[in-house]
C-alpha atoms as a PDB file:
ATOM      1  CA  MET A   1     143.241  82.526  30.692  1.00  0.00           C
ATOM      2  CA  ARG A   2     141.080  79.719  32.024  1.00  0.00           C
ATOM      3  CA  SER A   3     137.622  80.754  33.059  1.00  0.00           C
ATOM      4  CA  ASN A   4     135.719  78.937  35.749  1.00  0.00           C
ATOM      5  CA  SER A   5     131.993  78.514  35.023  1.00  0.00           C
ATOM      6  CA  THR A   6     129.353  77.449  37.447  1.00  0.00           C
ATOM      7  CA  PRO A   7     126.695  74.986  36.135  1.00  0.00           C
ATOM      8  CA  ILE A   8     123.178  76.308  36.127  1.00  0.00           C
ATOM      9  CA  SER A   9     120.784  74.052  38.007  1.00  0.00           C
ATOM     10  CA  VAL A  10     117.293  73.460  36.564  1.00  0.00           C
ATOM     11  CA  PRO A  11     114.487  73.820  39.078  1.00  0.00           C
ATOM     12  CA  PRO A  12     112.746  70.508  39.989  1.00  0.00           C
ATOM     13  CA  ASP A  13     109.380  71.663  38.623  1.00  0.00           C
ATOM     14  CA  ILE A  14     110.949  72.385  35.212  1.00  0.00           C
ATOM     15  CA  ARG A  15     112.567  68.923  35.153  1.00  0.00           C
ATOM     16  CA  LEU A  16     109.225  67.315  36.010  1.00  0.00           C
ATOM     17  CA  MET A  17     107.471  69.300  33.298  1.00  0.00           C
ATOM     18  CA  ASN A  18     110.034  68.214  30.715  1.00  0.00           C
ATOM     19  CA  ALA A  19     109.703  64.541  31.719  1.00  0.00           C
ATOM     20  CA  VAL A  20     105.904  64.678  31.511  1.00  0.00           C
ATOM     21  CA  THR A  21     106.086  66.367  28.117  1.00  0.00           C
ATOM     22  CA  ALA A  22     108.457  63.708  26.780  1.00  0.00           C
ATOM     23  CA  LEU A  23     106.236  60.941  28.143  1.00  0.00           C
ATOM     24  CA  LEU A  24     103.120  62.415  26.582  1.00  0.00           C
ATOM     25  CA  LEU A  25     104.910  62.856  23.278  1.00  0.00           C
ATOM     26  CA  ALA A  26     106.047  59.214  23.316  1.00  0.00           C
ATOM     27  CA  ALA A  27     102.544  58.019  24.130  1.00  0.00           C
ATOM     28  CA  MET A  28     101.125  60.112  21.320  1.00  0.00           C
ATOM     29  CA  LEU A  29     103.597  58.689  18.866  1.00  0.00           C
ATOM     30  CA  VAL A  30     102.749  55.122  19.934  1.00  0.00           C
ATOM     31  CA  ALA A  31      99.032  55.813  19.601  1.00  0.00           C
ATOM     32  CA  VAL A  32      99.512  57.302  16.139  1.00  0.00           C
ATOM     33  CA  ALA A  33     101.629  54.328  15.068  1.00  0.00           C
ATOM     34  CA  ALA A  34      99.003  51.870  16.373  1.00  0.00           C
ATOM     35  CA  LEU A  35      96.222  53.669  14.528  1.00  0.00           C
ATOM     36  CA  GLY A  36      98.320  53.750  11.399  1.00  0.00           C
ATOM     37  CA  LEU A  37      99.087  50.033  11.660  1.00  0.00           C
ATOM     38  CA  ARG A  38      95.430  49.271  12.284  1.00  0.00           C
ATOM     39  CA  TRP A  39      94.477  51.228   9.190  1.00  0.00           C
ATOM     40  CA  VAL A  40      97.177  49.531   7.089  1.00  0.00           C
ATOM     41  CA  VAL A  41      96.193  45.953   7.990  1.00  0.00           C
ATOM     42  CA  ARG A  42      92.593  46.724   6.997  1.00  0.00           C
ATOM     43  CA  LEU A  43      93.558  47.807   3.525  1.00  0.00           C
ATOM     44  CA  PRO A  44      91.981  45.666   0.759  1.00  0.00           C
ATOM     45  CA  VAL A  45      95.441  44.619  -0.348  1.00  0.00           C
ATOM     46  CA  PHE A  46      95.727  42.534   2.842  1.00  0.00           C
ATOM     47  CA  ALA A  47      92.363  40.811   2.515  1.00  0.00           C
ATOM     48  CA  ILE A  48      92.352  36.988   2.631  1.00  0.00           C
ATOM     49  CA  ARG A  49      91.965  35.965  -1.019  1.00  0.00           C
ATOM     50  CA  ALA A  50      92.218  32.184  -0.859  1.00  0.00           C
ATOM     51  CA  ILE A  51      91.977  29.333   1.665  1.00  0.00           C
ATOM     52  CA  GLN A  52      93.716  26.089   0.860  1.00  0.00           C
ATOM     53  CA  VAL A  53      92.474  23.018   2.773  1.00  0.00           C
ATOM     54  CA  ASP A  54      94.674  19.918   3.035  1.00  0.00           C
ATOM     55  CA  GLY A  55      94.481  16.736   5.049  1.00  0.00           C
ATOM     56  CA  ASP A  56      91.334  14.764   5.823  1.00  0.00           C
ATOM     57  CA  VAL A  57      88.384  16.032   3.828  1.00  0.00           C
ATOM     58  CA  THR A  58      86.486  12.780   3.409  1.00  0.00           C
ATOM     59  CA  ARG A  59      83.395  13.891   5.279  1.00  0.00           C
ATOM     60  CA  ASN A  60      83.489  17.635   4.610  1.00  0.00           C
ATOM     61  CA  SER A  61      82.989  19.133   1.174  1.00  0.00           C
ATOM     62  CA  GLU A  62      84.043  22.622   0.185  1.00  0.00           C
ATOM     63  CA  ALA A  63      80.447  23.732   0.621  1.00  0.00           C
ATOM     64  CA  SER A  64      80.187  22.426   4.188  1.00  0.00           C
ATOM     65  CA  LEU A  65      83.485  24.050   5.177  1.00  0.00           C
ATOM     66  CA  ARG A  66      82.408  27.320   3.639  1.00  0.00           C
ATOM     67  CA  ALA A  67      79.019  27.212   5.396  1.00  0.00           C
ATOM     68  CA  ASN A  68      80.331  26.227   8.838  1.00  0.00           C
ATOM     69  CA  ALA A  69      83.787  27.842   9.137  1.00  0.00           C
ATOM     70  CA  LEU A  70      83.925  30.976   6.999  1.00  0.00           C
ATOM     71  CA  PRO A  71      81.188  32.892   8.885  1.00  0.00           C
ATOM     72  CA  ARG A  72      83.324  32.552  12.046  1.00  0.00           C
ATOM     73  CA  LEU A  73      86.463  34.006  10.466  1.00  0.00           C
ATOM     74  CA  SER A  74      87.175  37.711  10.969  1.00  0.00           C
ATOM     75  CA  GLY A  75      89.963  40.105  10.182  1.00  0.00           C
ATOM     76  CA  SER A  76      92.409  40.421   7.346  1.00  0.00           C
ATOM     77  CA  PHE A  77      95.442  38.322   6.423  1.00  0.00           C
ATOM     78  CA  LEU A  78      97.538  40.237   8.975  1.00  0.00           C
ATOM     79  CA  SER A  79      94.982  40.884  11.706  1.00  0.00           C
ATOM     80  CA  MET A  80      93.139  37.525  11.887  1.00  0.00           C
ATOM     81  CA  ASN A  81      93.782  35.596  15.094  1.00  0.00           C
ATOM     82  CA  LEU A  82      95.049  32.162  14.092  1.00  0.00           C
ATOM     83  CA  GLN A  83      93.597  30.539  17.228  1.00  0.00           C
ATOM     84  CA  ASP A  84      90.182  31.932  16.319  1.00  0.00           C
ATOM     85  CA  GLY A  85      90.659  30.531  12.817  1.00  0.00           C
ATOM     86  CA  ARG A  86      91.528  27.121  14.283  1.00  0.00           C
ATOM     87  CA  ASP A  87      88.436  27.193  16.488  1.00  0.00           C
ATOM     88  CA  ALA A  88      86.303  28.075  13.460  1.00  0.00           C
ATOM     89  CA  PHE A  89      87.413  25.010  11.513  1.00  0.00           C
ATOM     90  CA  GLU A  90      87.285  22.707  14.539  1.00  0.00           C
ATOM     91  CA  SER A  91      83.640  23.688  14.986  1.00  0.00           C
ATOM     92  CA  VAL A  92      82.844  21.940  11.696  1.00  0.00           C
ATOM     93  CA  PRO A  93      81.280  18.475  12.144  1.00  0.00           C
ATOM     94  CA  TRP A  94      83.738  15.578  11.940  1.00  0.00           C
ATOM     95  CA  VAL A  95      86.819  17.879  12.306  1.00  0.00           C
ATOM     96  CA  ARG A  96      88.960  16.769  15.236  1.00  0.00           C
ATOM     97  CA  ARG A  97      91.895  19.110  14.812  1.00  0.00           C
ATOM     98  CA  ALA A  98      92.774  22.017  12.542  1.00  0.00           C
ATOM     99  CA  VAL A  99      96.086  23.862  11.955  1.00  0.00           C
ATOM    100  CA  VAL A 100      95.811  27.317  10.355  1.00  0.00           C
ATOM    101  CA  GLN A 101      98.838  29.050   8.841  1.00  0.00           C
ATOM    102  CA  ARG A 102      99.390  32.288   6.900  1.00  0.00           C
ATOM    103  CA  VAL A 103     100.950  31.973   3.439  1.00  0.00           C
ATOM    104  CA  TRP A 104     102.211  35.324   2.125  1.00  0.00           C
ATOM    105  CA  PRO A 105     100.774  37.458   0.726  1.00  0.00           C
ATOM    106  CA  SER A 106      97.038  36.696   1.084  1.00  0.00           C
ATOM    107  CA  ARG A 107      96.381  32.957   1.527  1.00  0.00           C
ATOM    108  CA  LEU A 108      95.507  30.702   4.463  1.00  0.00           C
ATOM    109  CA  LEU A 109      96.653  27.078   4.619  1.00  0.00           C
ATOM    110  CA  VAL A 110      94.366  24.858   6.705  1.00  0.00           C
ATOM    111  CA  LYS A 111      95.355  21.288   7.571  1.00  0.00           C
ATOM    112  CA  LEU A 112      92.460  19.155   8.877  1.00  0.00           C
ATOM    113  CA  GLU A 113      92.358  15.935  10.831  1.00  0.00           C
ATOM    114  CA  GLU A 114      88.925  14.308  10.881  1.00  0.00           C
ATOM    115  CA  HIS A 115      87.416  12.023  13.515  1.00  0.00           C
ATOM    116  CA  LYS A 116      87.607   8.343  12.625  1.00  0.00           C
ATOM    117  CA  PRO A 117      84.629   6.684  14.338  1.00  0.00           C
ATOM    118  CA  SER A 118      85.450   3.528  16.295  1.00  0.00           C
ATOM    119  CA  ALA A 119      82.323   3.057  18.382  1.00  0.00           C
ATOM    120  CA  TYR A 120      78.988   4.509  19.389  1.00  0.00           C
ATOM    121  CA  TRP A 121      78.866   6.094  22.844  1.00  0.00           C
ATOM    122  CA  GLU A 122      76.127   6.179  25.486  1.00  0.00           C
ATOM    123  CA  THR A 123      76.703   7.995  28.789  1.00  0.00           C
ATOM    124  CA  LYS A 124      75.353   6.326  31.904  1.00  0.00           C
ATOM    125  CA  ALA A 125      74.048   8.223  34.866  1.00  0.00           C
ATOM    126  CA  GLU A 126      76.409   8.512  37.824  1.00  0.00           C
ATOM    127  CA  GLY A 127      76.117   5.391  39.967  1.00  0.00           C
ATOM    128  CA  ALA A 128      74.229   3.408  37.347  1.00  0.00           C
ATOM    129  CA  ASP A 129      74.872  -0.346  37.166  1.00  0.00           C
ATOM    130  CA  ALA A 130      76.075  -2.203  34.104  1.00  0.00           C
ATOM    131  CA  GLN A 131      72.570  -3.327  33.161  1.00  0.00           C
ATOM    132  CA  SER A 132      71.027   0.138  33.218  1.00  0.00           C
ATOM    133  CA  ASP A 133      70.214   2.134  30.118  1.00  0.00           C
ATOM    134  CA  ALA A 134      72.080   5.240  29.118  1.00  0.00           C
ATOM    135  CA  ASN A 135      70.525   8.632  29.908  1.00  0.00           C
ATOM    136  CA  VAL A 136      71.603  10.703  26.901  1.00  0.00           C
ATOM    137  CA  ASP A 137      71.444  10.520  23.144  1.00  0.00           C
ATOM    138  CA  ARG A 138      73.968   8.320  21.346  1.00  0.00           C
ATOM    139  CA  LEU A 139      77.258   9.970  20.372  1.00  0.00           C
ATOM    140  CA  LEU A 140      80.427   8.642  18.749  1.00  0.00           C
ATOM    141  CA  VAL A 141      83.892   7.672  19.938  1.00  0.00           C
ATOM    142  CA  ASN A 142      86.896   8.296  17.682  1.00  0.00           C
ATOM    143  CA  SER A 143      90.039   6.221  17.330  1.00  0.00           C
ATOM    144  CA  TYR A 144      91.662   8.167  20.186  1.00  0.00           C
ATOM    145  CA  GLY A 145      88.820   7.263  22.581  1.00  0.00           C
ATOM    146  CA  GLU A 146      87.398  10.816  22.472  1.00  0.00           C
ATOM    147  CA  VAL A 147      83.637  11.337  22.441  1.00  0.00           C
ATOM    148  CA  PHE A 148      82.361  13.631  19.700  1.00  0.00           C
ATOM    149  CA  GLN A 149      79.015  14.609  18.198  1.00  0.00           C
ATOM    150  CA  ALA A 150      78.171  14.204  14.513  1.00  0.00           C
ATOM    151  CA  ASN A 151      75.303  13.098  12.310  1.00  0.00           C
ATOM    152  CA  LEU A 152      75.024   9.372  12.909  1.00  0.00           C
ATOM    153  CA  GLY A 153      73.590   9.029   9.404  1.00  0.00           C
ATOM    154  CA  ASP A 154      77.041   9.898   8.033  1.00  0.00           C
ATOM    155  CA  VAL A 155      78.546   6.763   9.570  1.00  0.00           C
ATOM    156  CA  GLU A 156      79.050   4.235   6.798  1.00  0.00           C
ATOM    157  CA  ASP A 157      80.113   1.427   9.095  1.00  0.00           C
ATOM    158  CA  GLU A 158      76.915   0.450  10.876  1.00  0.00           C
ATOM    159  CA  ASP A 159      78.622  -2.462  12.664  1.00  0.00           C
ATOM    160  CA  LEU A 160      80.413  -0.228  15.148  1.00  0.00           C
ATOM    161  CA  PRO A 161      80.231  -1.492  18.742  1.00  0.00           C
ATOM    162  CA  VAL A 162      78.337   0.364  21.426  1.00  0.00           C
ATOM    163  CA  LEU A 163      80.239   1.576  24.505  1.00  0.00           C
ATOM    164  CA  ALA A 164      78.105   2.631  27.464  1.00  0.00           C
ATOM    165  CA  GLY A 165      79.668   3.916  30.657  1.00  0.00           C
ATOM    166  CA  PRO A 166      80.201   6.879  33.007  1.00  0.00           C
ATOM    167  CA  ALA A 167      81.386  10.170  31.527  1.00  0.00           C
ATOM    168  CA  GLY A 168      85.167  10.328  31.036  1.00  0.00           C
ATOM    169  CA  THR A 169      85.636   6.555  30.591  1.00  0.00           C
ATOM    170  CA  SER A 170      85.385   6.365  26.773  1.00  0.00           C
ATOM    171  CA  ALA A 171      89.149   5.952  26.143  1.00  0.00           C
ATOM    172  CA  ALA A 172      89.487   3.165  28.733  1.00  0.00           C
ATOM    173  CA  MET A 173      86.384   1.434  27.407  1.00  0.00           C
ATOM    174  CA  LEU A 174      87.581   1.562  23.828  1.00  0.00           C
ATOM    175  CA  HIS A 175      90.891  -0.004  24.839  1.00  0.00           C
ATOM    176  CA  MET A 176      89.100  -2.720  26.850  1.00  0.00           C
ATOM    177  CA  TRP A 177      86.762  -3.415  23.911  1.00  0.00           C
ATOM    178  CA  GLN A 178      89.755  -3.848  21.585  1.00  0.00           C
ATOM    179  CA  ARG A 179      91.327  -6.378  23.881  1.00  0.00           C
ATOM    180  CA  LEU A 180      88.087  -8.274  24.506  1.00  0.00           C
ATOM    181  CA  GLN A 181      87.377  -8.310  20.775  1.00  0.00           C
ATOM    182  CA  THR A 182      90.760  -9.947  20.097  1.00  0.00           C
ATOM    183  CA  VAL A 183      89.975 -12.753  22.549  1.00  0.00           C
ATOM    184  CA  SER A 184      86.379 -13.124  21.319  1.00  0.00           C
ATOM    185  CA  ALA A 185      87.598 -13.686  17.752  1.00  0.00           C
ATOM    186  CA  SER A 186      89.078 -17.030  18.919  1.00  0.00           C
ATOM    187  CA  ILE A 187      85.555 -18.397  19.428  1.00  0.00           C
ATOM    188  CA  GLY A 188      84.101 -16.746  16.359  1.00  0.00           C
ATOM    189  CA  GLU A 189      82.254 -13.992  18.267  1.00  0.00           C
ATOM    190  CA  GLN A 190      82.062 -10.215  17.988  1.00  0.00           C
ATOM    191  CA  VAL A 191      81.656  -7.961  21.022  1.00  0.00           C
ATOM    192  CA  GLU A 192      78.664  -5.876  19.959  1.00  0.00           C
ATOM    193  CA  ARG A 193      78.218  -3.912  23.184  1.00  0.00           C
ATOM    194  CA  LEU A 194      80.307  -3.172  26.249  1.00  0.00           C
ATOM    195  CA  ASP A 195      78.833  -1.701  29.471  1.00  0.00           C
ATOM    196  CA  LEU A 196      80.658  -0.304  32.482  1.00  0.00           C
ATOM    197  CA  SER A 197      78.903   0.498  35.734  1.00  0.00           C
ATOM    198  CA  GLY A 198      79.694   3.413  38.040  1.00  0.00           C
ATOM    199  CA  ARG A 199      81.301   0.886  40.405  1.00  0.00           C
ATOM    200  CA  GLY A 200      83.578  -0.523  37.747  1.00  0.00           C
ATOM    201  CA  SER A 201      81.703  -3.693  36.799  1.00  0.00           C
ATOM    202  CA  TRP A 202      81.987  -4.782  33.153  1.00  0.00           C
ATOM    203  CA  ARG A 203      79.383  -6.499  30.990  1.00  0.00           C
ATOM    204  CA  LEU A 204      79.615  -7.431  27.313  1.00  0.00           C
ATOM    205  CA  SER A 205      77.055  -8.548  24.737  1.00  0.00           C
ATOM    206  CA  PHE A 206      77.994 -10.731  21.795  1.00  0.00           C
ATOM    207  CA  GLU A 207      76.719 -10.081  18.307  1.00  0.00           C
ATOM    208  CA  LYS A 208      74.787 -13.355  18.427  1.00  0.00           C
ATOM    209  CA  GLY A 209      72.885 -12.184  21.527  1.00  0.00           C
ATOM    210  CA  ALA A 210      74.676 -13.796  24.512  1.00  0.00           C
ATOM    211  CA  VAL A 211      75.514 -11.618  27.492  1.00  0.00           C
ATOM    212  CA  VAL A 212      78.563 -12.081  29.683  1.00  0.00           C
ATOM    213  CA  GLU A 213      78.989 -10.549  33.142  1.00  0.00           C
ATOM    214  CA  LEU A 214      82.701  -9.865  33.508  1.00  0.00           C
ATOM    215  CA  GLY A 215      82.640  -8.341  36.994  1.00  0.00           C
ATOM    216  CA  ARG A 216      85.164  -5.950  38.497  1.00  0.00           C
ATOM    217  CA  GLY A 217      88.951  -5.836  38.616  1.00  0.00           C
ATOM    218  CA  SER A 218      91.906  -4.531  36.719  1.00  0.00           C
ATOM    219  CA  GLU A 219      91.988  -4.742  32.952  1.00  0.00           C
ATOM    220  CA  ASP A 220      94.409  -7.668  33.066  1.00  0.00           C
ATOM    221  CA  GLU A 221      92.287  -9.500  35.661  1.00  0.00           C
ATOM    222  CA  ILE A 222      89.170  -9.086  33.481  1.00  0.00           C
ATOM    223  CA  LEU A 223      91.044 -10.310  30.403  1.00  0.00           C
ATOM    224  CA  ALA A 224      92.442 -13.342  32.230  1.00  0.00           C
ATOM    225  CA  ARG A 225      88.945 -14.249  33.489  1.00  0.00           C
ATOM    226  CA  PHE A 226      87.470 -13.838  30.033  1.00  0.00           C
ATOM    227  CA  GLY A 227      90.256 -15.814  28.394  1.00  0.00           C
ATOM    228  CA  GLN A 228      89.622 -18.750  30.712  1.00  0.00           C
ATOM    229  CA  PHE A 229      85.953 -18.569  29.771  1.00  0.00           C
ATOM    230  CA  THR A 230      86.572 -18.551  26.011  1.00  0.00           C
ATOM    231  CA  ARG A 231      88.916 -21.550  26.268  1.00  0.00           C
ATOM    232  CA  SER A 232      86.132 -23.785  27.611  1.00  0.00           C
ATOM    233  CA  ILE A 233      82.784 -22.369  26.511  1.00  0.00           C
ATOM    234  CA  THR A 234      82.869 -23.930  23.031  1.00  0.00           C
ATOM    235  CA  GLN A 235      83.269 -27.350  24.683  1.00  0.00           C
ATOM    236  CA  ILE A 236      80.185 -26.698  26.793  1.00  0.00           C
ATOM    237  CA  THR A 237      78.021 -25.547  23.935  1.00  0.00           C
ATOM    238  CA  SER A 238      79.098 -28.334  21.580  1.00  0.00           C
ATOM    239  CA  LEU A 239      78.593 -31.082  24.192  1.00  0.00           C
ATOM    240  CA  ASN A 240      75.107 -29.860  24.951  1.00  0.00           C
ATOM    241  CA  HIS A 241      74.236 -28.884  21.376  1.00  0.00           C
ATOM    242  CA  ALA A 242      72.850 -25.623  22.715  1.00  0.00           C
ATOM    243  CA  PRO A 243      73.890 -22.002  22.074  1.00  0.00           C
ATOM    244  CA  LEU A 244      75.019 -19.732  24.907  1.00  0.00           C
ATOM    245  CA  LEU A 245      72.420 -17.335  26.341  1.00  0.00           C
ATOM    246  CA  SER A 246      74.437 -15.806  29.196  1.00  0.00           C
ATOM    247  CA  ALA A 247      77.469 -16.293  31.413  1.00  0.00           C
ATOM    248  CA  ASP A 248      78.487 -14.936  34.792  1.00  0.00           C
ATOM    249  CA  LEU A 249      82.231 -14.749  35.434  1.00  0.00           C
ATOM    250  CA  ARG A 250      81.936 -13.087  38.816  1.00  0.00           C
ATOM    251  CA  HIS A 251      82.259 -16.384  40.722  1.00  0.00           C
ATOM    252  CA  ALA A 252      85.523 -17.095  42.520  1.00  0.00           C
ATOM    253  CA  GLU A 253      85.716 -20.784  41.561  1.00  0.00           C
ATOM    254  CA  GLY A 254      84.676 -20.689  37.914  1.00  0.00           C
ATOM    255  CA  TYR A 255      81.676 -19.278  36.069  1.00  0.00           C
ATOM    256  CA  ALA A 256      77.964 -19.906  35.597  1.00  0.00           C
ATOM    257  CA  VAL A 257      76.438 -20.333  32.164  1.00  0.00           C
ATOM    258  CA  ARG A 258      72.922 -20.444  30.834  1.00  0.00           C
ATOM    259  CA  LEU A 259      72.378 -22.368  27.600  1.00  0.00           C
ATOM    260  CA  SER A 260      69.281 -22.437  25.476  1.00  0.00           C
ATOM    261  CA  GLY A 261      67.104 -24.917  27.376  1.00  0.00           C
ATOM    262  CA  ILE A 262      69.888 -25.911  29.818  1.00  0.00           C
ATOM    263  CA  SER A 263      71.256 -24.280  32.988  1.00  0.00           C
ATOM    264  CA  THR A 264      74.465 -25.205  34.779  1.00  0.00           C
ATOM    265  CA  THR A 265      77.168 -23.698  37.038  1.00  0.00           C
ATOM    266  CA  PRO A 266      80.482 -25.406  36.182  1.00  0.00           C
ATOM    267  CA  SER A 267      83.993 -24.754  37.356  1.00  0.00           C
ATOM    268  CA  GLN A 268      85.356 -27.663  35.316  1.00  0.00           C
ATOM    269  CA  VAL A 269      82.785 -29.132  33.025  1.00  0.00           C
ATOM    270  CA  LYS A 270      82.527 -32.725  31.763  1.00  0.00           C
ATOM    271  CA  PRO A 271      79.709 -34.545  29.922  1.00  0.00           C
ATOM    272  CA  GLY A 272      76.895 -35.797  32.167  1.00  0.00           C
ATOM    273  CA  LEU A 273      73.714 -37.727  31.756  1.00  0.00           C
ATOM    274  CA  ASN A 274      71.409 -37.004  28.801  1.00  0.00           C
ATOM    275  CA  GLY A 275      74.113 -34.929  27.183  1.00  0.00           C
ATOM    276  CA  ARG A 276      73.982 -32.245  29.898  1.00  0.00           C
ATOM    277  CA  SER A 277      76.912 -30.638  31.631  1.00  0.00           C
ATOM    278  CA  LYS A 278      77.489 -30.861  35.368  1.00  0.00           C
ATOM    279  CA  LYS A 279      79.758 -29.385  37.942  1.00  0.00           C
ATOM    280  CA  ASN A 280      82.794 -31.458  38.764  1.00  0.00           C
END
């Protein structure tokens, strides 16, 4: 015989009670597992036992890294936040970039990239002209055009140029200096200082003391103007047997120069009376 059975329905309140019980039990299990994991990762067996540093370590000894980075590290091999570890090493003077990796079972591998100084940096006040002084202490510019702070006494190359301009222009100024320096080498000069005003006007100072007003314009326009100047200035100084004191390239039809003991404003220069130069 086949018997027919009627399913027994569970009241809604019982179903709700069972669901809440299951949810609470699951939450309790997760909490217990989390506490257990937290206890496990703090066991001495998971302590960081060694830190290997690779890469650029020219300016940072083991003692300086230990003094500046280690106090900022926290947690065990498993629990330490790698981003926090990276920040700790990047806080060390001269460190530009750090990569921190775990090496099982208890070692950290740190790869460092140090700043390579390319110039000194002075920040000008907003709206300052090219002739104005900077308003903050001198910093450094690395090979990427980034401004960074370090002990200036640690810079072995004291012949670094000085870049002075508005905040945020260091990369553009370093690139401009590199291009101007290449052109200056053709006349045996070194660009010792480069200034940029808030309105975009450029001014350079040679190592031998002469100052050149480059004016405003695109980078290529400035370089073309400066190239024209370098192609003729040695003729002017040799004809007059006088060194250059200053030059102004902001004129539309040439440039004005000031020599030691002689002043002239040539567009095309040829020898004049008494060995002076005159405007054609």
